[in-house]
Amino acid sequence: MIPLADGRTRVVYRMVITGPGADEVGPRIGPGI
């Protein structure tokens, strides 16, 4: 949750896939997740 100047809140979900082959596997599984 990031507080914004106007008093609202930005809710952020961020996924990072790391490890051997992540650059190949990530684009295959990440969008589904």
All heavy atoms as atom14 arrays in JSON, in Angstrom:
{
  "sequence": "MIPLADGRTRVVYRMVITGPGADEVGPRIGPGI",
  "atom14_mask": [
    [1, 1, 1, 1, 1, 1, 1, 1, 0, 0, 0, 0, 0, 0],
    [1, 1, 1, 1, 1, 1, 1, 1, 0, 0, 0, 0, 0, 0],
    [1, 1, 1, 1, 1, 1, 1, 0, 0, 0, 0, 0, 0, 0],
    [1, 1, 1, 1, 1, 1, 1, 1, 0, 0, 0, 0, 0, 0],
    [1, 1, 1, 1, 1, 0, 0, 0, 0, 0, 0, 0, 0, 0],
    [1, 1, 1, 1, 1, 1, 1, 1, 0, 0, 0, 0, 0, 0],
    [1, 1, 1, 1, 0, 0, 0, 0, 0, 0, 0, 0, 0, 0],
    [1, 1, 1, 1, 1, 1, 1, 1, 1, 1, 1, 0, 0, 0],
    [1, 1, 1, 1, 1, 1, 1, 0, 0, 0, 0, 0, 0, 0],
    [1, 1, 1, 1, 1, 1, 1, 1, 1, 1, 1, 0, 0, 0],
    [1, 1, 1, 1, 1, 1, 1, 0, 0, 0, 0, 0, 0, 0],
    [1, 1, 1, 1, 1, 1, 1, 0, 0, 0, 0, 0, 0, 0],
    [1, 1, 1, 1, 1, 1, 1, 1, 1, 1, 1, 1, 0, 0],
    [1, 1, 1, 1, 1, 1, 1, 1, 1, 1, 1, 0, 0, 0],
    [1, 1, 1, 1, 1, 1, 1, 1, 0, 0, 0, 0, 0, 0],
    [1, 1, 1, 1, 1, 1, 1, 0, 0, 0, 0, 0, 0, 0],
    [1, 1, 1, 1, 1, 1, 1, 1, 0, 0, 0, 0, 0, 0],
    [1, 1, 1, 1, 1, 1, 1, 0, 0, 0, 0, 0, 0, 0],
    [1, 1, 1, 1, 0, 0, 0, 0, 0, 0, 0, 0, 0, 0],
    [1, 1, 1, 1, 1, 1, 1, 0, 0, 0, 0, 0, 0, 0],
    [1, 1, 1, 1, 0, 0, 0, 0, 0, 0, 0, 0, 0, 0],
    [1, 1, 1, 1, 1, 0, 0, 0, 0, 0, 0, 0, 0, 0],
    [1, 1, 1, 1, 1, 1, 1, 1, 0, 0, 0, 0, 0, 0],
    [1, 1, 1, 1, 1, 1, 1, 1, 1, 0, 0, 0, 0, 0],
    [1, 1, 1, 1, 1, 1, 1, 0, 0, 0, 0, 0, 0, 0],
    [1, 1, 1, 1, 0, 0, 0, 0, 0, 0, 0, 0, 0, 0],
    [1, 1, 1, 1, 1, 1, 1, 0, 0, 0, 0, 0, 0, 0],
    [1, 1, 1, 1, 1, 1, 1, 1, 1, 1, 1, 0, 0, 0],
    [1, 1, 1, 1, 1, 1, 1, 1, 0, 0, 0, 0, 0, 0],
    [1, 1, 1, 1, 0, 0, 0, 0, 0, 0, 0, 0, 0, 0],
    [1, 1, 1, 1, 1, 1, 1, 0, 0, 0, 0, 0, 0, 0],
    [1, 1, 1, 1, 0, 0, 0, 0, 0, 0, 0, 0, 0, 0],
    [1, 1, 1, 1, 1, 1, 1, 1, 0, 0, 0, 0, 0, 0]
  ],
  "atom14_positions": [
    [[0.86, -1.18, 0.0], [0.0, 0.0, 0.0], [0.89, 1.23, 0.0], [1.77, 1.35, 0.85], [-0.9, 0.02, 1.24], [-1.94, -1.06, 1.25], [-3.06, -0.92, 2.67], [-1.98, -1.43, 4.03], [0.0, 0.0, 0.0], [0.0, 0.0, 0.0], [0.0, 0.0, 0.0], [0.0, 0.0, 0.0], [0.0, 0.0, 0.0], [0.0, 0.0, 0.0]],
    [[0.65, 2.12, -0.95], [1.44, 3.34, -1.06], [0.49, 4.53, -0.85], [-0.46, 4.7, -1.62], [2.12, 3.43, -2.44], [3.04, 2.23, -2.65], [2.87, 4.75, -2.58], [3.57, 2.08, -4.06], [0.0, 0.0, 0.0], [0.0, 0.0, 0.0], [0.0, 0.0, 0.0], [0.0, 0.0, 0.0], [0.0, 0.0, 0.0], [0.0, 0.0, 0.0]],
    [[0.74, 5.34, 0.18], [-0.11, 6.52, 0.38], [0.13, 7.53, -0.74], [1.27, 7.77, -1.14], [0.35, 7.09, 1.71], [1.43, 6.22, 2.23], [1.76, 5.19, 1.2], [0.0, 0.0, 0.0], [0.0, 0.0, 0.0], [0.0, 0.0, 0.0], [0.0, 0.0, 0.0], [0.0, 0.0, 0.0], [0.0, 0.0, 0.0], [0.0, 0.0, 0.0]],
    [[-0.96, 8.1, -1.27], [-0.87, 9.1, -2.33], [-1.12, 10.5, -1.75], [-1.76, 10.64, -0.7], [-1.88, 8.78, -3.43], [-1.71, 7.41, -4.09], [-2.86, 7.14, -5.05], [-0.37, 7.29, -4.79], [0.0, 0.0, 0.0], [0.0, 0.0, 0.0], [0.0, 0.0, 0.0], [0.0, 0.0, 0.0], [0.0, 0.0, 0.0], [0.0, 0.0, 0.0]],
    [[-0.64, 11.5, -2.45], [-0.74, 12.88, -1.98], [-2.18, 13.33, -1.76], [-2.45, 14.15, -0.89], [-0.04, 13.82, -2.96], [0.0, 0.0, 0.0], [0.0, 0.0, 0.0], [0.0, 0.0, 0.0], [0.0, 0.0, 0.0], [0.0, 0.0, 0.0], [0.0, 0.0, 0.0], [0.0, 0.0, 0.0], [0.0, 0.0, 0.0], [0.0, 0.0, 0.0]],
    [[-3.11, 12.76, -2.53], [-4.51, 13.18, -2.42], [-5.27, 12.44, -1.31], [-6.48, 12.55, -1.2], [-5.23, 13.0, -3.76], [-5.32, 11.56, -4.21], [-4.85, 10.64, -3.49], [-5.85, 11.31, -5.31], [0.0, 0.0, 0.0], [0.0, 0.0, 0.0], [0.0, 0.0, 0.0], [0.0, 0.0, 0.0], [0.0, 0.0, 0.0], [0.0, 0.0, 0.0]],
    [[-4.54, 11.66, -0.49], [-5.17, 10.94, 0.61], [-5.63, 9.54, 0.24], [-6.04, 8.77, 1.11], [0.0, 0.0, 0.0], [0.0, 0.0, 0.0], [0.0, 0.0, 0.0], [0.0, 0.0, 0.0], [0.0, 0.0, 0.0], [0.0, 0.0, 0.0], [0.0, 0.0, 0.0], [0.0, 0.0, 0.0], [0.0, 0.0, 0.0], [0.0, 0.0, 0.0]],
    [[-5.58, 9.22, -1.03], [-5.96, 7.88, -1.48], [-4.79, 6.93, -1.27], [-3.71, 7.34, -0.82], [-6.38, 7.92, -2.94], [-7.56, 8.89, -3.16], [-7.98, 8.95, -4.59], [-8.85, 7.79, -4.81], [-8.95, 7.15, -5.96], [-8.24, 7.52, -7.02], [-9.76, 6.12, -6.09], [0.0, 0.0, 0.0], [0.0, 0.0, 0.0], [0.0, 0.0, 0.0]],
    [[-4.98, 5.69, -1.62], [-3.94, 4.66, -1.48], [-3.8, 3.92, -2.78], [-4.8, 3.57, -3.42], [-4.33, 3.66, -0.36], [-4.44, 4.38, 0.87], [-3.3, 2.55, -0.22], [0.0, 0.0, 0.0], [0.0, 0.0, 0.0], [0.0, 0.0, 0.0], [0.0, 0.0, 0.0], [0.0, 0.0, 0.0], [0.0, 0.0, 0.0], [0.0, 0.0, 0.0]],
    [[-2.58, 3.66, -3.17], [-2.3, 2.8, -4.33], [-1.99, 1.4, -3.78], [-1.07, 1.22, -2.99], [-1.13, 3.33, -5.14], [-0.79, 2.43, -6.34], [0.12, 3.12, -7.32], [-0.68, 4.21, -7.93], [-0.17, 5.37, -8.3], [1.11, 5.63, -8.18], [-0.95, 6.31, -8.82], [0.0, 0.0, 0.0], [0.0, 0.0, 0.0], [0.0, 0.0, 0.0]],
    [[-2.77, 0.42, -4.22], [-2.55, -0.97, -3.84], [-1.81, -1.62, -5.0], [-2.3, -1.63, -6.13], [-3.88, -1.7, -3.56], [-3.62, -3.17, -3.21], [-4.65, -0.99, -2.45], [0.0, 0.0, 0.0], [0.0, 0.0, 0.0], [0.0, 0.0, 0.0], [0.0, 0.0, 0.0], [0.0, 0.0, 0.0], [0.0, 0.0, 0.0], [0.0, 0.0, 0.0]],
    [[-0.63, -2.16, -4.71], [0.25, -2.7, -5.74], [0.53, -4.18, -5.46], [0.91, -4.55, -4.35], [1.6, -1.94, -5.78], [2.5, -2.5, -6.86], [1.38, -0.45, -5.96], [0.0, 0.0, 0.0], [0.0, 0.0, 0.0], [0.0, 0.0, 0.0], [0.0, 0.0, 0.0], [0.0, 0.0, 0.0], [0.0, 0.0, 0.0], [0.0, 0.0, 0.0]],
    [[0.33, -5.0, -6.47], [0.77, -6.4, -6.46], [1.89, -6.5, -7.48], [1.73, -6.05, -8.63], [-0.36, -7.34, -6.88], [-1.35, -7.69, -5.8], [-1.72, -6.79, -4.82], [-1.94, -8.95, -5.78], [-2.64, -7.12, -3.84], [-2.87, -9.29, -4.82], [-3.22, -8.38, -3.84], [-4.13, -8.72, -2.88], [0.0, 0.0, 0.0], [0.0, 0.0, 0.0]],
    [[3.01, -7.09, -7.08], [4.15, -7.22, -7.99], [4.75, -8.62, -7.84], [5.06, -9.04, -6.73], [5.21, -6.18, -7.66], [6.43, -6.26, -8.56], [7.37, -5.08, -8.28], [8.46, -5.05, -9.22], [9.68, -5.51, -8.96], [9.96, -6.02, -7.78], [10.61, -5.45, -9.89], [0.0, 0.0, 0.0], [0.0, 0.0, 0.0], [0.0, 0.0, 0.0]],
    [[4.88, -9.33, -8.95], [5.51, -10.65, -8.93], [6.85, -10.58, -9.65], [6.96, -9.99, -10.72], [4.65, -11.71, -9.61], [5.37, -13.06, -9.76], [4.3, -14.38, -10.31], [3.54, -14.78, -8.74], [0.0, 0.0, 0.0], [0.0, 0.0, 0.0], [0.0, 0.0, 0.0], [0.0, 0.0, 0.0], [0.0, 0.0, 0.0], [0.0, 0.0, 0.0]],
    [[7.84, -11.22, -9.05], [9.15, -11.37, -9.66], [9.5, -12.85, -9.61], [9.43, -13.47, -8.54], [10.23, -10.53, -8.92], [11.59, -10.78, -9.53], [9.88, -9.05, -8.96], [0.0, 0.0, 0.0], [0.0, 0.0, 0.0], [0.0, 0.0, 0.0], [0.0, 0.0, 0.0], [0.0, 0.0, 0.0], [0.0, 0.0, 0.0], [0.0, 0.0, 0.0]],
    [[9.84, -13.4, -10.75], [10.28, -14.8, -10.84], [11.77, -14.78, -11.15], [12.19, -14.16, -12.13], [9.52, -15.57, -11.93], [8.01, -15.54, -11.65], [10.03, -17.01, -12.03], [7.15, -16.18, -12.73], [0.0, 0.0, 0.0], [0.0, 0.0, 0.0], [0.0, 0.0, 0.0], [0.0, 0.0, 0.0], [0.0, 0.0, 0.0], [0.0, 0.0, 0.0]],
    [[12.56, -15.42, -10.29], [14.0, -15.47, -10.48], [14.5, -16.91, -10.44], [13.82, -17.8, -9.94], [14.74, -14.66, -9.38], [14.38, -15.17, -8.09], [14.4, -13.19, -9.46], [0.0, 0.0, 0.0], [0.0, 0.0, 0.0], [0.0, 0.0, 0.0], [0.0, 0.0, 0.0], [0.0, 0.0, 0.0], [0.0, 0.0, 0.0], [0.0, 0.0, 0.0]],
    [[15.69, -17.09, -10.95], [16.33, -18.4, -10.94], [16.69, -18.82, -12.35], [16.32, -18.16, -13.33], [0.0, 0.0, 0.0], [0.0, 0.0, 0.0], [0.0, 0.0, 0.0], [0.0, 0.0, 0.0], [0.0, 0.0, 0.0], [0.0, 0.0, 0.0], [0.0, 0.0, 0.0], [0.0, 0.0, 0.0], [0.0, 0.0, 0.0], [0.0, 0.0, 0.0]],
    [[17.41, -19.92, -12.44], [17.82, -20.42, -13.76], [16.61, -20.67, -14.66], [15.67, -21.35, -14.26], [18.54, -21.73, -13.44], [18.94, -21.62, -12.01], [17.91, -20.76, -11.35], [0.0, 0.0, 0.0], [0.0, 0.0, 0.0], [0.0, 0.0, 0.0], [0.0, 0.0, 0.0], [0.0, 0.0, 0.0], [0.0, 0.0, 0.0], [0.0, 0.0, 0.0]],
    [[16.62, -20.09, -15.82], [15.53, -20.27, -16.78], [14.33, -19.38, -16.55], [13.34, -19.49, -17.27], [0.0, 0.0, 0.0], [0.0, 0.0, 0.0], [0.0, 0.0, 0.0], [0.0, 0.0, 0.0], [0.0, 0.0, 0.0], [0.0, 0.0, 0.0], [0.0, 0.0, 0.0], [0.0, 0.0, 0.0], [0.0, 0.0, 0.0], [0.0, 0.0, 0.0]],
    [[14.38, -18.47, -15.57], [13.23, -17.61, -15.28], [12.85, -16.75, -16.48], [11.68, -16.47, -16.69], [13.51, -16.74, -14.06], [0.0, 0.0, 0.0], [0.0, 0.0, 0.0], [0.0, 0.0, 0.0], [0.0, 0.0, 0.0], [0.0, 0.0, 0.0], [0.0, 0.0, 0.0], [0.0, 0.0, 0.0], [0.0, 0.0, 0.0], [0.0, 0.0, 0.0]],
    [[13.85, -16.36, -17.26], [13.55, -15.54, -18.44], [12.78, -16.32, -19.49], [12.08, -15.73, -20.33], [14.83, -14.94, -19.03], [15.88, -15.98, -19.39], [15.81, -17.11, -18.86], [16.78, -15.65, -20.18], [0.0, 0.0, 0.0], [0.0, 0.0, 0.0], [0.0, 0.0, 0.0], [0.0, 0.0, 0.0], [0.0, 0.0, 0.0], [0.0, 0.0, 0.0]],
    [[12.85, -17.65, -19.45], [12.09, -18.49, -20.38], [10.8, -19.0, -19.74], [9.74, -18.97, -20.36], [12.93, -19.69, -20.83], [14.15, -19.3, -21.65], [15.03, -20.5, -21.95], [14.57, -21.64, -21.79], [16.18, -20.28, -22.37], [0.0, 0.0, 0.0], [0.0, 0.0, 0.0], [0.0, 0.0, 0.0], [0.0, 0.0, 0.0], [0.0, 0.0, 0.0]],
    [[10.88, -19.47, -18.51], [9.73, -20.04, -17.81], [8.76, -18.94, -17.38], [7.54, -19.09, -17.48], [10.17, -20.88, -16.6], [8.98, -21.38, -15.8], [11.04, -22.04, -17.04], [0.0, 0.0, 0.0], [0.0, 0.0, 0.0], [0.0, 0.0, 0.0], [0.0, 0.0, 0.0], [0.0, 0.0, 0.0], [0.0, 0.0, 0.0], [0.0, 0.0, 0.0]],
    [[9.29, -17.81, -16.92], [8.45, -16.71, -16.44], [7.38, -16.28, -17.42], [6.2, -16.21, -17.06], [0.0, 0.0, 0.0], [0.0, 0.0, 0.0], [0.0, 0.0, 0.0], [0.0, 0.0, 0.0], [0.0, 0.0, 0.0], [0.0, 0.0, 0.0], [0.0, 0.0, 0.0], [0.0, 0.0, 0.0], [0.0, 0.0, 0.0], [0.0, 0.0, 0.0]],
    [[7.76, -16.01, -18.69], [6.73, -15.6, -19.65], [5.69, -16.69, -19.93], [4.59, -16.38, -20.39], [7.54, -15.29, -20.92], [8.91, -14.97, -20.44], [9.11, -15.85, -19.23], [0.0, 0.0, 0.0], [0.0, 0.0, 0.0], [0.0, 0.0, 0.0], [0.0, 0.0, 0.0], [0.0, 0.0, 0.0], [0.0, 0.0, 0.0], [0.0, 0.0, 0.0]],
    [[6.02, -17.95, -19.64], [5.05, -19.04, -19.85], [4.09, -19.18, -18.68], [2.91, -19.42, -18.87], [5.79, -20.35, -20.09], [6.43, -20.44, -21.45], [6.76, -21.87, -21.85], [7.37, -22.67, -20.82], [8.67, -22.96, -20.74], [9.5, -22.52, -21.66], [9.14, -23.71, -19.77], [0.0, 0.0, 0.0], [0.0, 0.0, 0.0], [0.0, 0.0, 0.0]],
    [[4.62, -19.07, -17.44], [3.76, -19.31, -16.27], [3.27, -18.03, -15.61], [2.19, -18.0, -15.03], [4.45, -20.22, -15.23], [5.67, -19.52, -14.61], [4.83, -21.56, -15.85], [6.25, -20.26, -13.4], [0.0, 0.0, 0.0], [0.0, 0.0, 0.0], [0.0, 0.0, 0.0], [0.0, 0.0, 0.0], [0.0, 0.0, 0.0], [0.0, 0.0, 0.0]],
    [[4.06, -16.98, -15.67], [3.71, -15.73, -14.99], [2.37, -15.14, -15.39], [1.56, -14.8, -14.52], [0.0, 0.0, 0.0], [0.0, 0.0, 0.0], [0.0, 0.0, 0.0], [0.0, 0.0, 0.0], [0.0, 0.0, 0.0], [0.0, 0.0, 0.0], [0.0, 0.0, 0.0], [0.0, 0.0, 0.0], [0.0, 0.0, 0.0], [0.0, 0.0, 0.0]],
    [[2.1, -15.01, -16.71], [0.82, -14.42, -17.1], [-0.39, -15.21, -16.6], [-1.42, -14.62, -16.28], [0.89, -14.42, -18.63], [2.36, -14.29, -18.91], [3.01, -15.15, -17.86], [0.0, 0.0, 0.0], [0.0, 0.0, 0.0], [0.0, 0.0, 0.0], [0.0, 0.0, 0.0], [0.0, 0.0, 0.0], [0.0, 0.0, 0.0], [0.0, 0.0, 0.0]],
    [[-0.26, -16.52, -16.5], [-1.36, -17.31, -15.97], [-1.57, -17.09, -14.48], [-2.7, -17.04, -14.0], [0.0, 0.0, 0.0], [0.0, 0.0, 0.0], [0.0, 0.0, 0.0], [0.0, 0.0, 0.0], [0.0, 0.0, 0.0], [0.0, 0.0, 0.0], [0.0, 0.0, 0.0], [0.0, 0.0, 0.0], [0.0, 0.0, 0.0], [0.0, 0.0, 0.0]],
    [[-0.48, -16.93, -13.76], [-0.56, -16.71, -12.32], [-1.15, -15.33, -12.02], [-1.94, -15.16, -11.09], [0.83, -16.84, -11.67], [1.35, -18.28, -11.83], [0.8, -16.43, -10.2], [2.82, -18.45, -11.48], [0.0, 0.0, 0.0], [0.0, 0.0, 0.0], [0.0, 0.0, 0.0], [0.0, 0.0, 0.0], [0.0, 0.0, 0.0], [0.0, 0.0, 0.0]]
  ]
}
